[in-house]
């Protein structure tokens, strides 16, 4: 067997990336859940934490999905979060399932996470044309 065949066979045997699986699942969900999944994937650091994945992500051989209600019910008592992480997750959950949230949470996000949340909110509003970034 050639090296190319072995490499292709190994690649075919590898499971898909979590981000790819979540993006595929979110395609059939409402716009808020799609925006929340996109925000988590873009932010990256929080979704990379094993404790977050254990609480949020349900994986089986056939499906991968976010269990938002379970996560929302337990994340504040099960996870050790700094202010920025807590604020980001609060706003991402509110994107997945719109509800009243304290907007002062944006004060502790930092520029990178604020941009991610603003893009998620623009997506939730149905806008793909608003550019979120630095002002010149």
C-alpha atoms as a PDB file:
ATOM      1  CA  UNK A   1       0.000   0.000   0.000  1.00  0.00           C
ATOM      2  CA  UNK A   2       1.400   3.436  -0.889  1.00  0.00           C
ATOM      3  CA  UNK A   3       2.071   6.163   1.668  1.00  0.00           C
ATOM      4  CA  UNK A   4      -0.781   8.213   0.192  1.00  0.00           C
ATOM      5  CA  UNK A   5      -3.242   5.321   0.604  1.00  0.00           C
ATOM      6  CA  UNK A   6      -2.173   4.810   4.227  1.00  0.00           C
ATOM      7  CA  UNK A   7      -2.518   8.531   4.968  1.00  0.00           C
ATOM      8  CA  UNK A   8      -5.959   8.682   3.333  1.00  0.00           C
ATOM      9  CA  UNK A   9      -7.114   5.583   5.225  1.00  0.00           C
ATOM     10  CA  UNK A  10      -5.895   7.046   8.521  1.00  0.00           C
ATOM     11  CA  UNK A  11      -7.654  10.357   7.801  1.00  0.00           C
ATOM     12  CA  UNK A  12     -10.889   8.523   6.999  1.00  0.00           C
ATOM     13  CA  UNK A  13     -10.684   6.631  10.288  1.00  0.00           C
ATOM     14  CA  UNK A  14     -10.214   9.787  12.396  1.00  0.00           C
ATOM     15  CA  UNK A  15     -13.353  11.148  14.015  1.00  0.00           C
ATOM     16  CA  UNK A  16     -14.482  14.595  12.829  1.00  0.00           C
ATOM     17  CA  UNK A  17     -13.383  17.630  14.822  1.00  0.00           C
ATOM     18  CA  UNK A  18     -15.777  18.683  17.586  1.00  0.00           C
ATOM     19  CA  UNK A  19     -16.190  22.075  15.943  1.00  0.00           C
ATOM     20  CA  UNK A  20     -17.179  20.431  12.645  1.00  0.00           C
ATOM     21  CA  UNK A  21     -19.672  18.132  14.384  1.00  0.00           C
ATOM     22  CA  UNK A  22     -21.237  21.006  16.337  1.00  0.00           C
ATOM     23  CA  UNK A  23     -21.451  23.184  13.230  1.00  0.00           C
ATOM     24  CA  UNK A  24     -23.179  20.366  11.353  1.00  0.00           C
ATOM     25  CA  UNK A  25     -25.654  19.831  14.228  1.00  0.00           C
ATOM     26  CA  UNK A  26     -26.339  23.564  14.522  1.00  0.00           C
ATOM     27  CA  UNK A  27     -27.281  23.844  10.833  1.00  0.00           C
ATOM     28  CA  UNK A  28     -30.679  22.333  11.673  1.00  0.00           C
ATOM     29  CA  UNK A  29     -31.192  24.449  14.808  1.00  0.00           C
ATOM     30  CA  UNK A  30     -32.639  27.934  15.154  1.00  0.00           C
ATOM     31  CA  UNK A  31     -30.562  31.021  14.451  1.00  0.00           C
ATOM     32  CA  UNK A  32     -29.808  31.658  18.132  1.00  0.00           C
ATOM     33  CA  UNK A  33     -28.311  28.228  18.661  1.00  0.00           C
ATOM     34  CA  UNK A  34     -26.288  28.550  15.454  1.00  0.00           C
ATOM     35  CA  UNK A  35     -24.939  31.904  16.637  1.00  0.00           C
ATOM     36  CA  UNK A  36     -24.114  30.487  20.079  1.00  0.00           C
ATOM     37  CA  UNK A  37     -22.265  27.506  18.599  1.00  0.00           C
ATOM     38  CA  UNK A  38     -20.348  29.806  16.244  1.00  0.00           C
ATOM     39  CA  UNK A  39     -19.401  32.047  19.180  1.00  0.00           C
ATOM     40  CA  UNK A  40     -18.123  29.127  21.267  1.00  0.00           C
ATOM     41  CA  UNK A  41     -16.093  27.793  18.360  1.00  0.00           C
ATOM     42  CA  UNK A  42     -14.664  31.226  17.509  1.00  0.00           C
ATOM     43  CA  UNK A  43     -13.717  31.939  21.128  1.00  0.00           C
ATOM     44  CA  UNK A  44     -12.087  28.509  21.376  1.00  0.00           C
ATOM     45  CA  UNK A  45     -10.580  28.678  24.865  1.00  0.00           C
ATOM     46  CA  UNK A  46     -13.757  27.863  26.776  1.00  0.00           C
ATOM     47  CA  UNK A  47     -14.793  25.018  24.474  1.00  0.00           C
ATOM     48  CA  UNK A  48     -11.262  23.588  24.791  1.00  0.00           C
ATOM     49  CA  UNK A  49     -11.831  23.018  28.518  1.00  0.00           C
ATOM     50  CA  UNK A  50     -12.718  19.423  29.345  1.00  0.00           C
ATOM     51  CA  UNK A  51     -15.020  20.402  32.213  1.00  0.00           C
ATOM     52  CA  UNK A  52     -17.015  22.699  29.910  1.00  0.00           C
ATOM     53  CA  UNK A  53     -17.290  20.037  27.208  1.00  0.00           C
ATOM     54  CA  UNK A  54     -18.351  17.417  29.760  1.00  0.00           C
ATOM     55  CA  UNK A  55     -21.188  19.640  30.940  1.00  0.00           C
ATOM     56  CA  UNK A  56     -22.264  21.136  27.596  1.00  0.00           C
ATOM     57  CA  UNK A  57     -21.595  18.568  24.884  1.00  0.00           C
ATOM     58  CA  UNK A  58     -23.422  15.279  24.461  1.00  0.00           C
ATOM     59  CA  UNK A  59     -21.598  12.868  22.168  1.00  0.00           C
ATOM     60  CA  UNK A  60     -22.660   9.474  20.926  1.00  0.00           C
ATOM     61  CA  UNK A  61     -21.649   7.416  17.938  1.00  0.00           C
ATOM     62  CA  UNK A  62     -24.375   9.045  15.850  1.00  0.00           C
ATOM     63  CA  UNK A  63     -24.745  12.600  17.116  1.00  0.00           C
ATOM     64  CA  UNK A  64     -22.968  15.471  18.866  1.00  0.00           C
ATOM     65  CA  UNK A  65     -25.004  18.331  20.307  1.00  0.00           C
ATOM     66  CA  UNK A  66     -25.110  21.068  22.944  1.00  0.00           C
ATOM     67  CA  UNK A  67     -27.326  20.362  25.936  1.00  0.00           C
ATOM     68  CA  UNK A  68     -28.064  24.009  26.686  1.00  0.00           C
ATOM     69  CA  UNK A  69     -30.641  23.425  29.475  1.00  0.00           C
ATOM     70  CA  UNK A  70     -28.312  21.084  31.411  1.00  0.00           C
ATOM     71  CA  UNK A  71     -25.414  23.483  30.959  1.00  0.00           C
ATOM     72  CA  UNK A  72     -27.399  26.508  32.056  1.00  0.00           C
ATOM     73  CA  UNK A  73     -28.715  24.717  35.140  1.00  0.00           C
ATOM     74  CA  UNK A  74     -25.265  23.669  36.368  1.00  0.00           C
ATOM     75  CA  UNK A  75     -22.430  25.728  34.905  1.00  0.00           C
ATOM     76  CA  UNK A  76     -22.154  28.297  37.685  1.00  0.00           C
ATOM     77  CA  UNK A  77     -21.848  25.688  40.415  1.00  0.00           C
ATOM     78  CA  UNK A  78     -19.910  23.023  38.467  1.00  0.00           C
ATOM     79  CA  UNK A  79     -17.272  25.174  36.758  1.00  0.00           C
ATOM     80  CA  UNK A  80     -14.603  27.502  38.098  1.00  0.00           C
ATOM     81  CA  UNK A  81     -14.883  30.563  35.872  1.00  0.00           C
ATOM     82  CA  UNK A  82     -13.275  33.962  35.928  1.00  0.00           C
ATOM     83  CA  UNK A  83     -15.452  37.045  35.393  1.00  0.00           C
ATOM     84  CA  UNK A  84     -14.836  37.154  31.659  1.00  0.00           C
ATOM     85  CA  UNK A  85     -15.634  33.471  31.141  1.00  0.00           C
ATOM     86  CA  UNK A  86     -18.823  33.742  33.203  1.00  0.00           C
ATOM     87  CA  UNK A  87     -19.929  36.858  31.315  1.00  0.00           C
ATOM     88  CA  UNK A  88     -19.187  35.259  27.941  1.00  0.00           C
ATOM     89  CA  UNK A  89     -21.101  32.073  28.774  1.00  0.00           C
ATOM     90  CA  UNK A  90     -24.040  34.064  30.162  1.00  0.00           C
ATOM     91  CA  UNK A  91     -24.304  36.042  26.930  1.00  0.00           C
ATOM     92  CA  UNK A  92     -23.789  32.970  24.718  1.00  0.00           C
ATOM     93  CA  UNK A  93     -26.575  31.143  26.570  1.00  0.00           C
ATOM     94  CA  UNK A  94     -28.820  34.172  26.102  1.00  0.00           C
ATOM     95  CA  UNK A  95     -28.041  33.991  22.385  1.00  0.00           C
ATOM     96  CA  UNK A  96     -28.954  30.305  22.247  1.00  0.00           C
ATOM     97  CA  UNK A  97     -32.165  30.886  24.192  1.00  0.00           C
ATOM     98  CA  UNK A  98     -33.056  34.599  24.290  1.00  0.00           C
ATOM     99  CA  UNK A  99     -33.842  35.847  27.773  1.00  0.00           C
ATOM    100  CA  UNK A 100     -33.153  38.802  29.976  1.00  0.00           C
ATOM    101  CA  UNK A 101     -29.505  39.090  30.925  1.00  0.00           C
ATOM    102  CA  UNK A 102     -27.579  41.821  32.721  1.00  0.00           C
ATOM    103  CA  UNK A 103     -25.871  43.791  29.961  1.00  0.00           C
ATOM    104  CA  UNK A 104     -23.250  45.053  32.405  1.00  0.00           C
ATOM    105  CA  UNK A 105     -21.624  41.645  31.858  1.00  0.00           C
ATOM    106  CA  UNK A 106     -20.057  43.107  28.698  1.00  0.00           C
ATOM    107  CA  UNK A 107     -17.788  45.262  30.883  1.00  0.00           C
ATOM    108  CA  UNK A 108     -15.584  42.284  31.765  1.00  0.00           C
ATOM    109  CA  UNK A 109     -15.477  40.531  28.384  1.00  0.00           C
ATOM    110  CA  UNK A 110     -12.393  42.150  26.927  1.00  0.00           C
ATOM    111  CA  UNK A 111     -12.140  43.200  23.286  1.00  0.00           C
ATOM    112  CA  UNK A 112     -11.810  39.740  21.730  1.00  0.00           C
ATOM    113  CA  UNK A 113     -14.818  38.183  23.474  1.00  0.00           C
ATOM    114  CA  UNK A 114     -16.878  41.370  23.062  1.00  0.00           C
ATOM    115  CA  UNK A 115     -16.357  41.191  19.299  1.00  0.00           C
ATOM    116  CA  UNK A 116     -17.442  37.543  19.295  1.00  0.00           C
ATOM    117  CA  UNK A 117     -20.599  38.316  21.298  1.00  0.00           C
ATOM    118  CA  UNK A 118     -21.444  41.279  19.060  1.00  0.00           C
ATOM    119  CA  UNK A 119     -21.097  39.090  15.944  1.00  0.00           C
ATOM    120  CA  UNK A 120     -23.367  36.475  17.576  1.00  0.00           C
ATOM    121  CA  UNK A 121     -25.971  39.144  18.369  1.00  0.00           C
ATOM    122  CA  UNK A 122     -25.816  40.471  14.799  1.00  0.00           C
ATOM    123  CA  UNK A 123     -26.367  36.917  13.555  1.00  0.00           C
ATOM    124  CA  UNK A 124     -29.282  36.504  15.963  1.00  0.00           C
ATOM    125  CA  UNK A 125     -30.781  39.669  14.492  1.00  0.00           C
ATOM    126  CA  UNK A 126     -30.479  38.129  11.041  1.00  0.00           C
ATOM    127  CA  UNK A 127     -27.701  40.435   9.843  1.00  0.00           C
ATOM    128  CA  UNK A 128     -24.718  39.077   8.000  1.00  0.00           C
ATOM    129  CA  UNK A 129     -23.564  42.486   6.820  1.00  0.00           C
ATOM    130  CA  UNK A 130     -22.651  44.295  10.048  1.00  0.00           C
ATOM    131  CA  UNK A 131     -18.904  44.395  10.434  1.00  0.00           C
ATOM    132  CA  UNK A 132     -17.651  44.098  13.998  1.00  0.00           C
ATOM    133  CA  UNK A 133     -14.045  45.098  14.482  1.00  0.00           C
ATOM    134  CA  UNK A 134     -11.751  48.033  15.152  1.00  0.00           C
ATOM    135  CA  UNK A 135     -12.694  51.545  14.184  1.00  0.00           C
ATOM    136  CA  UNK A 136     -10.283  53.462  12.032  1.00  0.00           C
END
